[in-house]
């Protein structure tokens, strides 16, 4: 799933700056089908990261409702979190989408 979002409203952040960010407890995606697509894309991102050391853009939302984008490599994914190259963990429930390139 390639994610498209108005770039004027998305802040680009570095993965190293994510450690102080807060995330909401509720999921940012409205329906189960979208969540299943996100989970499949997370698995695809892990394959890209581990097999090819490839980067992708992850769009996510913080607890204050702001959309952000980070370019990184995903090393692992489980039902709750993504583990990024820097060792950062990102709650899967906060991920709006992925942009593979």
PDB file of N, CA and C in Angstrom:
ATOM      1  N   UNK A   1       0.845  -1.168   0.000  1.00  0.00           N
ATOM      2  CA  UNK A   1       0.000   0.000   0.000  1.00  0.00           C
ATOM      3  C   UNK A   1       0.888   1.227   0.000  1.00  0.00           C
ATOM      4  N   UNK A   2       0.807   1.974  -1.030  1.00  0.00           N
ATOM      5  CA  UNK A   2       1.532   3.235  -1.079  1.00  0.00           C
ATOM      6  C   UNK A   2       0.651   4.289  -0.438  1.00  0.00           C
ATOM      7  N   UNK A   3       1.220   5.048   0.443  1.00  0.00           N
ATOM      8  CA  UNK A   3       0.450   6.021   1.201  1.00  0.00           C
ATOM      9  C   UNK A   3       0.592   7.384   0.563  1.00  0.00           C
ATOM     10  N   UNK A   4      -0.521   8.039   0.355  1.00  0.00           N
ATOM     11  CA  UNK A   4      -0.482   9.411  -0.161  1.00  0.00           C
ATOM     12  C   UNK A   4      -1.151  10.319   0.856  1.00  0.00           C
ATOM     13  N   UNK A   5      -0.481  11.371   1.166  1.00  0.00           N
ATOM     14  CA  UNK A   5      -0.959  12.328   2.159  1.00  0.00           C
ATOM     15  C   UNK A   5      -0.489  13.691   1.698  1.00  0.00           C
ATOM     16  N   UNK A   6      -1.253  14.689   1.984  1.00  0.00           N
ATOM     17  CA  UNK A   6      -0.858  16.048   1.606  1.00  0.00           C
ATOM     18  C   UNK A   6       0.475  16.396   2.266  1.00  0.00           C
ATOM     19  N   UNK A   7       1.527  16.524   1.441  1.00  0.00           N
ATOM     20  CA  UNK A   7       2.866  16.762   1.991  1.00  0.00           C
ATOM     21  C   UNK A   7       2.972  18.065   2.761  1.00  0.00           C
ATOM     22  N   UNK A   8       2.076  18.998   2.531  1.00  0.00           N
ATOM     23  CA  UNK A   8       2.152  20.259   3.253  1.00  0.00           C
ATOM     24  C   UNK A   8       1.770  20.092   4.722  1.00  0.00           C
ATOM     25  N   UNK A   9       1.098  18.997   5.070  1.00  0.00           N
ATOM     26  CA  UNK A   9       0.674  18.796   6.454  1.00  0.00           C
ATOM     27  C   UNK A   9       1.482  17.721   7.167  1.00  0.00           C
ATOM     28  N   UNK A  10       2.484  17.183   6.515  1.00  0.00           N
ATOM     29  CA  UNK A  10       3.294  16.117   7.107  1.00  0.00           C
ATOM     30  C   UNK A  10       4.680  16.659   7.437  1.00  0.00           C
ATOM     31  N   UNK A  11       5.049  16.534   8.699  1.00  0.00           N
ATOM     32  CA  UNK A  11       6.373  16.963   9.131  1.00  0.00           C
ATOM     33  C   UNK A  11       7.364  15.820   8.935  1.00  0.00           C
ATOM     34  N   UNK A  12       8.489  16.111   8.323  1.00  0.00           N
ATOM     35  CA  UNK A  12       9.544  15.116   8.142  1.00  0.00           C
ATOM     36  C   UNK A  12      10.415  15.122   9.389  1.00  0.00           C
ATOM     37  N   UNK A  13      10.626  13.942   9.962  1.00  0.00           N
ATOM     38  CA  UNK A  13      11.434  13.821  11.176  1.00  0.00           C
ATOM     39  C   UNK A  13      12.535  12.788  10.956  1.00  0.00           C
ATOM     40  N   UNK A  14      13.574  12.901  11.739  1.00  0.00           N
ATOM     41  CA  UNK A  14      14.653  11.915  11.732  1.00  0.00           C
ATOM     42  C   UNK A  14      14.312  10.832  12.760  1.00  0.00           C
ATOM     43  N   UNK A  15      14.697   9.607  12.489  1.00  0.00           N
ATOM     44  CA  UNK A  15      14.366   8.513  13.414  1.00  0.00           C
ATOM     45  C   UNK A  15      14.968   8.738  14.800  1.00  0.00           C
ATOM     46  N   UNK A  16      16.085   9.425  14.858  1.00  0.00           N
ATOM     47  CA  UNK A  16      16.720   9.712  16.141  1.00  0.00           C
ATOM     48  C   UNK A  16      15.900  10.686  16.995  1.00  0.00           C
ATOM     49  N   UNK A  17      15.016  11.446  16.361  1.00  0.00           N
ATOM     50  CA  UNK A  17      14.195  12.425  17.075  1.00  0.00           C
ATOM     51  C   UNK A  17      12.875  11.842  17.574  1.00  0.00           C
ATOM     52  N   UNK A  18      12.636  10.574  17.320  1.00  0.00           N
ATOM     53  CA  UNK A  18      11.358   9.964  17.666  1.00  0.00           C
ATOM     54  C   UNK A  18      11.262   9.519  19.121  1.00  0.00           C
ATOM     55  N   UNK A  19      12.375   9.477  19.833  1.00  0.00           N
ATOM     56  CA  UNK A  19      12.369   8.916  21.183  1.00  0.00           C
ATOM     57  C   UNK A  19      11.470   9.683  22.154  1.00  0.00           C
ATOM     58  N   UNK A  20      11.283  10.948  21.964  1.00  0.00           N
ATOM     59  CA  UNK A  20      10.462  11.729  22.875  1.00  0.00           C
ATOM     60  C   UNK A  20       9.014  11.884  22.444  1.00  0.00           C
ATOM     61  N   UNK A  21       8.635  11.244  21.352  1.00  0.00           N
ATOM     62  CA  UNK A  21       7.274  11.406  20.841  1.00  0.00           C
ATOM     63  C   UNK A  21       6.288  10.533  21.608  1.00  0.00           C
ATOM     64  N   UNK A  22       5.079  11.051  21.749  1.00  0.00           N
ATOM     65  CA  UNK A  22       4.001  10.320  22.412  1.00  0.00           C
ATOM     66  C   UNK A  22       2.999   9.864  21.373  1.00  0.00           C
ATOM     67  N   UNK A  23       2.415   8.678  21.597  1.00  0.00           N
ATOM     68  CA  UNK A  23       1.468   8.094  20.657  1.00  0.00           C
ATOM     69  C   UNK A  23       0.169   7.760  21.375  1.00  0.00           C
ATOM     70  N   UNK A  24      -0.937   7.925  20.667  1.00  0.00           N
ATOM     71  CA  UNK A  24      -2.255   7.654  21.238  1.00  0.00           C
ATOM     72  C   UNK A  24      -2.434   6.162  21.488  1.00  0.00           C
ATOM     73  N   UNK A  25      -3.331   5.832  22.387  1.00  0.00           N
ATOM     74  CA  UNK A  25      -3.626   4.428  22.684  1.00  0.00           C
ATOM     75  C   UNK A  25      -4.576   3.808  21.668  1.00  0.00           C
ATOM     76  N   UNK A  26      -5.341   4.643  20.959  1.00  0.00           N
ATOM     77  CA  UNK A  26      -6.264   4.112  19.960  1.00  0.00           C
ATOM     78  C   UNK A  26      -5.592   4.065  18.589  1.00  0.00           C
ATOM     79  N   UNK A  27      -6.118   3.207  17.733  1.00  0.00           N
ATOM     80  CA  UNK A  27      -5.555   3.016  16.395  1.00  0.00           C
ATOM     81  C   UNK A  27      -5.927   4.193  15.496  1.00  0.00           C
ATOM     82  N   UNK A  28      -4.999   4.593  14.633  1.00  0.00           N
ATOM     83  CA  UNK A  28      -5.235   5.718  13.726  1.00  0.00           C
ATOM     84  C   UNK A  28      -6.024   5.310  12.487  1.00  0.00           C
ATOM     85  N   UNK A  29      -6.113   4.012  12.215  1.00  0.00           N
ATOM     86  CA  UNK A  29      -6.860   3.544  11.051  1.00  0.00           C
ATOM     87  C   UNK A  29      -8.282   3.173  11.453  1.00  0.00           C
ATOM     88  N   UNK A  30      -9.257   3.553  10.624  1.00  0.00           N
ATOM     89  CA  UNK A  30     -10.656   3.420  11.017  1.00  0.00           C
ATOM     90  C   UNK A  30     -11.257   2.016  10.914  1.00  0.00           C
ATOM     91  N   UNK A  31     -10.732   1.175  10.032  1.00  0.00           N
ATOM     92  CA  UNK A  31     -11.398  -0.114   9.831  1.00  0.00           C
ATOM     93  C   UNK A  31     -10.412  -1.281   9.808  1.00  0.00           C
ATOM     94  N   UNK A  32     -10.949  -2.460   9.999  1.00  0.00           N
ATOM     95  CA  UNK A  32     -10.140  -3.674  10.093  1.00  0.00           C
ATOM     96  C   UNK A  32      -9.420  -3.987   8.781  1.00  0.00           C
ATOM     97  N   UNK A  33     -10.042  -3.735   7.647  1.00  0.00           N
ATOM     98  CA  UNK A  33      -9.400  -4.003   6.351  1.00  0.00           C
ATOM     99  C   UNK A  33      -8.135  -3.154   6.191  1.00  0.00           C
ATOM    100  N   UNK A  34      -8.208  -1.898   6.570  1.00  0.00           N
ATOM    101  CA  UNK A  34      -7.040  -1.011   6.490  1.00  0.00           C
ATOM    102  C   UNK A  34      -5.945  -1.492   7.441  1.00  0.00           C
ATOM    103  N   UNK A  35      -6.321  -1.988   8.600  1.00  0.00           N
ATOM    104  CA  UNK A  35      -5.342  -2.503   9.564  1.00  0.00           C
ATOM    105  C   UNK A  35      -4.659  -3.767   9.041  1.00  0.00           C
ATOM    106  N   UNK A  36      -5.409  -4.601   8.362  1.00  0.00           N
ATOM    107  CA  UNK A  36      -4.815  -5.813   7.782  1.00  0.00           C
ATOM    108  C   UNK A  36      -3.841  -5.463   6.662  1.00  0.00           C
ATOM    109  N   UNK A  37      -4.178  -4.472   5.842  1.00  0.00           N
ATOM    110  CA  UNK A  37      -3.262  -4.008   4.789  1.00  0.00           C
ATOM    111  C   UNK A  37      -1.986  -3.441   5.409  1.00  0.00           C
ATOM    112  N   UNK A  38      -2.151  -2.662   6.483  1.00  0.00           N
ATOM    113  CA  UNK A  38      -0.989  -2.089   7.168  1.00  0.00           C
ATOM    114  C   UNK A  38      -0.092  -3.196   7.707  1.00  0.00           C
ATOM    115  N   UNK A  39      -0.680  -4.233   8.284  1.00  0.00           N
ATOM    116  CA  UNK A  39       0.107  -5.353   8.828  1.00  0.00           C
ATOM    117  C   UNK A  39       0.864  -6.068   7.707  1.00  0.00           C
ATOM    118  N   UNK A  40       0.217  -6.283   6.572  1.00  0.00           N
ATOM    119  CA  UNK A  40       0.889  -6.910   5.429  1.00  0.00           C
ATOM    120  C   UNK A  40       2.021  -6.017   4.927  1.00  0.00           C
ATOM    121  N   UNK A  41       1.801  -4.726   4.882  1.00  0.00           N
ATOM    122  CA  UNK A  41       2.849  -3.792   4.465  1.00  0.00           C
ATOM    123  C   UNK A  41       4.001  -3.771   5.463  1.00  0.00           C
ATOM    124  N   UNK A  42       3.699  -3.918   6.741  1.00  0.00           N
ATOM    125  CA  UNK A  42       4.753  -3.977   7.757  1.00  0.00           C
ATOM    126  C   UNK A  42       5.642  -5.199   7.516  1.00  0.00           C
ATOM    127  N   UNK A  43       5.030  -6.326   7.198  1.00  0.00           N
ATOM    128  CA  UNK A  43       5.814  -7.527   6.894  1.00  0.00           C
ATOM    129  C   UNK A  43       6.659  -7.323   5.635  1.00  0.00           C
ATOM    130  N   UNK A  44       6.097  -6.658   4.649  1.00  0.00           N
ATOM    131  CA  UNK A  44       6.848  -6.341   3.424  1.00  0.00           C
ATOM    132  C   UNK A  44       8.028  -5.426   3.740  1.00  0.00           C
ATOM    133  N   UNK A  45       7.816  -4.458   4.628  1.00  0.00           N
ATOM    134  CA  UNK A  45       8.885  -3.539   5.031  1.00  0.00           C
ATOM    135  C   UNK A  45      10.021  -4.287   5.721  1.00  0.00           C
ATOM    136  N   UNK A  46       9.692  -5.292   6.524  1.00  0.00           N
ATOM    137  CA  UNK A  46      10.717  -6.103   7.197  1.00  0.00           C
ATOM    138  C   UNK A  46      11.540  -6.861   6.166  1.00  0.00           C
ATOM    139  N   UNK A  47      10.891  -7.441   5.189  1.00  0.00           N
ATOM    140  CA  UNK A  47      11.607  -8.158   4.125  1.00  0.00           C
ATOM    141  C   UNK A  47      12.530  -7.209   3.379  1.00  0.00           C
ATOM    142  N   UNK A  48      12.040  -6.039   3.037  1.00  0.00           N
ATOM    143  CA  UNK A  48      12.846  -5.037   2.343  1.00  0.00           C
ATOM    144  C   UNK A  48      14.056  -4.652   3.191  1.00  0.00           C
ATOM    145  N   UNK A  49      13.853  -4.456   4.481  1.00  0.00           N
ATOM    146  CA  UNK A  49      14.934  -4.043   5.371  1.00  0.00           C
ATOM    147  C   UNK A  49      15.978  -5.115   5.594  1.00  0.00           C
ATOM    148  N   UNK A  50      15.530  -6.348   5.816  1.00  0.00           N
ATOM    149  CA  UNK A  50      16.470  -7.417   6.131  1.00  0.00           C
ATOM    150  C   UNK A  50      17.159  -8.007   4.905  1.00  0.00           C
ATOM    151  N   UNK A  51      16.436  -8.154   3.822  1.00  0.00           N
ATOM    152  CA  UNK A  51      17.019  -8.773   2.630  1.00  0.00           C
ATOM    153  C   UNK A  51      17.826  -7.784   1.789  1.00  0.00           C
ATOM    154  N   UNK A  52      17.366  -6.536   1.732  1.00  0.00           N
ATOM    155  CA  UNK A  52      17.983  -5.570   0.825  1.00  0.00           C
ATOM    156  C   UNK A  52      18.521  -4.324   1.525  1.00  0.00           C
ATOM    157  N   UNK A  53      18.326  -4.225   2.833  1.00  0.00           N
ATOM    158  CA  UNK A  53      18.721  -3.036   3.603  1.00  0.00           C
ATOM    159  C   UNK A  53      18.107  -1.781   3.004  1.00  0.00           C
ATOM    160  N   UNK A  54      16.898  -1.944   2.463  1.00  0.00           N
ATOM    161  CA  UNK A  54      16.214  -0.839   1.799  1.00  0.00           C
ATOM    162  C   UNK A  54      15.434   0.036   2.747  1.00  0.00           C
ATOM    163  N   UNK A  55      15.408   1.306   2.413  1.00  0.00           N
ATOM    164  CA  UNK A  55      14.642   2.281   3.188  1.00  0.00           C
ATOM    165  C   UNK A  55      13.256   2.454   2.596  1.00  0.00           C
ATOM    166  N   UNK A  56      12.365   2.988   3.393  1.00  0.00           N
ATOM    167  CA  UNK A  56      11.037   3.367   2.966  1.00  0.00           C
ATOM    168  C   UNK A  56      10.583   4.517   3.841  1.00  0.00           C
ATOM    169  N   UNK A  57       9.499   5.161   3.446  1.00  0.00           N
ATOM    170  CA  UNK A  57       8.910   6.211   4.265  1.00  0.00           C
ATOM    171  C   UNK A  57       7.777   5.609   5.078  1.00  0.00           C
ATOM    172  N   UNK A  58       7.752   5.938   6.357  1.00  0.00           N
ATOM    173  CA  UNK A  58       6.654   5.543   7.220  1.00  0.00           C
ATOM    174  C   UNK A  58       5.926   6.816   7.630  1.00  0.00           C
ATOM    175  N   UNK A  59       4.628   6.842   7.389  1.00  0.00           N
ATOM    176  CA  UNK A  59       3.782   7.950   7.812  1.00  0.00           C
ATOM    177  C   UNK A  59       3.087   7.521   9.094  1.00  0.00           C
ATOM    178  N   UNK A  60       3.161   8.365  10.105  1.00  0.00           N
ATOM    179  CA  UNK A  60       2.552   8.012  11.377  1.00  0.00           C
ATOM    180  C   UNK A  60       1.952   9.252  12.026  1.00  0.00           C
ATOM    181  N   UNK A  61       1.162   9.015  13.053  1.00  0.00           N
ATOM    182  CA  UNK A  61       0.489  10.111  13.747  1.00  0.00           C
ATOM    183  C   UNK A  61       0.847  10.070  15.224  1.00  0.00           C
ATOM    184  N   UNK A  62       1.178  11.228  15.764  1.00  0.00           N
ATOM    185  CA  UNK A  62       1.499  11.330  17.181  1.00  0.00           C
ATOM    186  C   UNK A  62       0.214  11.567  17.986  1.00  0.00           C
ATOM    187  N   UNK A  63       0.335  11.505  19.304  1.00  0.00           N
ATOM    188  CA  UNK A  63      -0.827  11.646  20.186  1.00  0.00           C
ATOM    189  C   UNK A  63      -1.541  12.980  20.008  1.00  0.00           C
ATOM    190  N   UNK A  64      -0.812  14.014  19.587  1.00  0.00           N
ATOM    191  CA  UNK A  64      -1.435  15.329  19.380  1.00  0.00           C
ATOM    192  C   UNK A  64      -2.132  15.452  18.027  1.00  0.00           C
ATOM    193  N   UNK A  65      -2.150  14.360  17.243  1.00  0.00           N
ATOM    194  CA  UNK A  65      -2.863  14.340  15.972  1.00  0.00           C
ATOM    195  C   UNK A  65      -2.062  14.803  14.780  1.00  0.00           C
ATOM    196  N   UNK A  66      -0.777  15.117  14.959  1.00  0.00           N
ATOM    197  CA  UNK A  66       0.054  15.580  13.847  1.00  0.00           C
ATOM    198  C   UNK A  66       0.611  14.399  13.063  1.00  0.00           C
ATOM    199  N   UNK A  67       0.558  14.511  11.734  1.00  0.00           N
ATOM    200  CA  UNK A  67       1.126  13.491  10.855  1.00  0.00           C
ATOM    201  C   UNK A  67       2.604  13.774  10.649  1.00  0.00           C
ATOM    202  N   UNK A  68       3.381  12.708  10.664  1.00  0.00           N
ATOM    203  CA  UNK A  68       4.834  12.826  10.496  1.00  0.00           C
ATOM    204  C   UNK A  68       5.304  11.744   9.525  1.00  0.00           C
ATOM    205  N   UNK A  69       6.496  11.978   8.969  1.00  0.00           N
ATOM    206  CA  UNK A  69       7.093  11.017   8.031  1.00  0.00           C
ATOM    207  C   UNK A  69       8.541  10.803   8.418  1.00  0.00           C
ATOM    208  N   UNK A  70       8.962   9.551   8.395  1.00  0.00           N
ATOM    209  CA  UNK A  70      10.356   9.211   8.666  1.00  0.00           C
ATOM    210  C   UNK A  70      10.828   8.253   7.580  1.00  0.00           C
ATOM    211  N   UNK A  71      12.034   8.474   7.077  1.00  0.00           N
ATOM    212  CA  UNK A  71      12.663   7.574   6.112  1.00  0.00           C
ATOM    213  C   UNK A  71      13.613   6.687   6.896  1.00  0.00           C
ATOM    214  N   UNK A  72      13.377   5.387   6.856  1.00  0.00           N
ATOM    215  CA  UNK A  72      14.173   4.470   7.669  1.00  0.00           C
ATOM    216  C   UNK A  72      14.105   3.053   7.119  1.00  0.00           C
ATOM    217  N   UNK A  73      14.825   2.173   7.775  1.00  0.00           N
ATOM    218  CA  UNK A  73      14.789   0.743   7.490  1.00  0.00           C
ATOM    219  C   UNK A  73      14.067   0.059   8.641  1.00  0.00           C
ATOM    220  N   UNK A  74      13.195  -0.876   8.317  1.00  0.00           N
ATOM    221  CA  UNK A  74      12.458  -1.625   9.338  1.00  0.00           C
ATOM    222  C   UNK A  74      13.135  -2.974   9.514  1.00  0.00           C
ATOM    223  N   UNK A  75      13.536  -3.283  10.744  1.00  0.00           N
ATOM    224  CA  UNK A  75      14.215  -4.553  11.029  1.00  0.00           C
ATOM    225  C   UNK A  75      13.253  -5.644  11.465  1.00  0.00           C
ATOM    226  N   UNK A  76      12.187  -5.279  12.176  1.00  0.00           N
ATOM    227  CA  UNK A  76      11.254  -6.285  12.682  1.00  0.00           C
ATOM    228  C   UNK A  76       9.870  -5.669  12.852  1.00  0.00           C
ATOM    229  N   UNK A  77       8.858  -6.542  12.843  1.00  0.00           N
ATOM    230  CA  UNK A  77       7.483  -6.113  13.086  1.00  0.00           C
ATOM    231  C   UNK A  77       6.754  -7.244  13.799  1.00  0.00           C
ATOM    232  N   UNK A  78       5.972  -6.868  14.787  1.00  0.00           N
ATOM    233  CA  UNK A  78       5.079  -7.838  15.407  1.00  0.00           C
ATOM    234  C   UNK A  78       3.680  -7.224  15.400  1.00  0.00           C
ATOM    235  N   UNK A  79       2.767  -7.803  16.112  1.00  0.00           N
ATOM    236  CA  UNK A  79       1.391  -7.312  16.053  1.00  0.00           C
ATOM    237  C   UNK A  79       1.226  -5.929  16.683  1.00  0.00           C
ATOM    238  N   UNK A  80       2.216  -5.489  17.465  1.00  0.00           N
ATOM    239  CA  UNK A  80       2.084  -4.212  18.159  1.00  0.00           C
ATOM    240  C   UNK A  80       3.083  -3.135  17.760  1.00  0.00           C
ATOM    241  N   UNK A  81       4.285  -3.515  17.301  1.00  0.00           N
ATOM    242  CA  UNK A  81       5.344  -2.529  17.080  1.00  0.00           C
ATOM    243  C   UNK A  81       6.180  -2.817  15.832  1.00  0.00           C
ATOM    244  N   UNK A  82       6.801  -1.757  15.332  1.00  0.00           N
ATOM    245  CA  UNK A  82       7.849  -1.853  14.320  1.00  0.00           C
ATOM    246  C   UNK A  82       9.165  -1.543  15.021  1.00  0.00           C
ATOM    247  N   UNK A  83      10.203  -2.283  14.701  1.00  0.00           N
ATOM    248  CA  UNK A  83      11.532  -1.968  15.196  1.00  0.00           C
ATOM    249  C   UNK A  83      12.323  -1.399  14.032  1.00  0.00           C
ATOM    250  N   UNK A  84      12.818  -0.177  14.216  1.00  0.00           N
ATOM    251  CA  UNK A  84      13.523   0.537  13.155  1.00  0.00           C
ATOM    252  C   UNK A  84      15.026   0.344  13.283  1.00  0.00           C
ATOM    253  N   UNK A  85      15.734   0.714  12.244  1.00  0.00           N
ATOM    254  CA  UNK A  85      17.183   0.523  12.185  1.00  0.00           C
ATOM    255  C   UNK A  85      17.904   1.091  13.397  1.00  0.00           C
ATOM    256  N   UNK A  86      17.476   2.189  13.890  1.00  0.00           N
ATOM    257  CA  UNK A  86      18.145   2.843  15.012  1.00  0.00           C
ATOM    258  C   UNK A  86      17.861   2.162  16.347  1.00  0.00           C
ATOM    259  N   UNK A  87      17.026   1.134  16.331  1.00  0.00           N
ATOM    260  CA  UNK A  87      16.623   0.485  17.565  1.00  0.00           C
ATOM    261  C   UNK A  87      15.350   1.080  18.140  1.00  0.00           C
ATOM    262  N   UNK A  88      14.841   2.130  17.503  1.00  0.00           N
ATOM    263  CA  UNK A  88      13.590   2.754  17.928  1.00  0.00           C
ATOM    264  C   UNK A  88      12.433   1.801  17.692  1.00  0.00           C
ATOM    265  N   UNK A  89      11.431   1.930  18.513  1.00  0.00           N
ATOM    266  CA  UNK A  89      10.214   1.154  18.363  1.00  0.00           C
ATOM    267  C   UNK A  89       9.071   2.119  18.067  1.00  0.00           C
ATOM    268  N   UNK A  90       8.244   1.784  17.100  1.00  0.00           N
ATOM    269  CA  UNK A  90       7.116   2.616  16.708  1.00  0.00           C
ATOM    270  C   UNK A  90       5.851   1.780  16.839  1.00  0.00           C
ATOM    271  N   UNK A  91       4.858   2.239  17.599  1.00  0.00           N
ATOM    272  CA  UNK A  91       3.627   1.466  17.731  1.00  0.00           C
ATOM    273  C   UNK A  91       2.938   1.322  16.373  1.00  0.00           C
ATOM    274  N   UNK A  92       2.589   0.110  16.019  1.00  0.00           N
ATOM    275  CA  UNK A  92       1.935  -0.138  14.735  1.00  0.00           C
ATOM    276  C   UNK A  92       0.597   0.603  14.668  1.00  0.00           C
ATOM    277  N   UNK A  93      -0.076   0.765  15.789  1.00  0.00           N
ATOM    278  CA  UNK A  93      -1.373   1.449  15.822  1.00  0.00           C
ATOM    279  C   UNK A  93      -1.273   2.918  15.400  1.00  0.00           C
ATOM    280  N   UNK A  94      -0.061   3.486  15.425  1.00  0.00           N
ATOM    281  CA  UNK A  94       0.113   4.893  15.048  1.00  0.00           C
ATOM    282  C   UNK A  94       0.513   5.063  13.584  1.00  0.00           C
ATOM    283  N   UNK A  95       0.763   3.965  12.877  1.00  0.00           N
ATOM    284  CA  UNK A  95       1.211   4.033  11.480  1.00  0.00           C
ATOM    285  C   UNK A  95       0.020   4.260  10.552  1.00  0.00           C
ATOM    286  N   UNK A  96       0.111   5.335   9.781  1.00  0.00           N
ATOM    287  CA  UNK A  96      -0.914   5.663   8.794  1.00  0.00           C
ATOM    288  C   UNK A  96      -0.697   4.907   7.497  1.00  0.00           C
ATOM    289  N   UNK A  97       0.573   4.679   7.146  1.00  0.00           N
ATOM    290  CA  UNK A  97       0.879   3.978   5.906  1.00  0.00           C
ATOM    291  C   UNK A  97       2.363   3.992   5.603  1.00  0.00           C
ATOM    292  N   UNK A  98       2.706   3.299   4.527  1.00  0.00           N
ATOM    293  CA  UNK A  98       4.090   3.158   4.088  1.00  0.00           C
ATOM    294  C   UNK A  98       4.202   3.625   2.654  1.00  0.00           C
ATOM    295  N   UNK A  99       5.372   4.118   2.295  1.00  0.00           N
ATOM    296  CA  UNK A  99       5.650   4.474   0.907  1.00  0.00           C
ATOM    297  C   UNK A  99       6.934   3.759   0.525  1.00  0.00           C
ATOM    298  N   UNK A 100       6.805   2.719  -0.284  1.00  0.00           N
ATOM    299  CA  UNK A 100       7.956   1.931  -0.722  1.00  0.00           C
ATOM    300  C   UNK A 100       8.531   2.567  -1.970  1.00  0.00           C
ATOM    301  N   UNK A 101       9.850   2.665  -2.031  1.00  0.00           N
ATOM    302  CA  UNK A 101      10.505   3.214  -3.225  1.00  0.00           C
ATOM    303  C   UNK A 101      11.761   2.487  -3.533  1.00  0.00           C
TER     304      UNK A 101
END
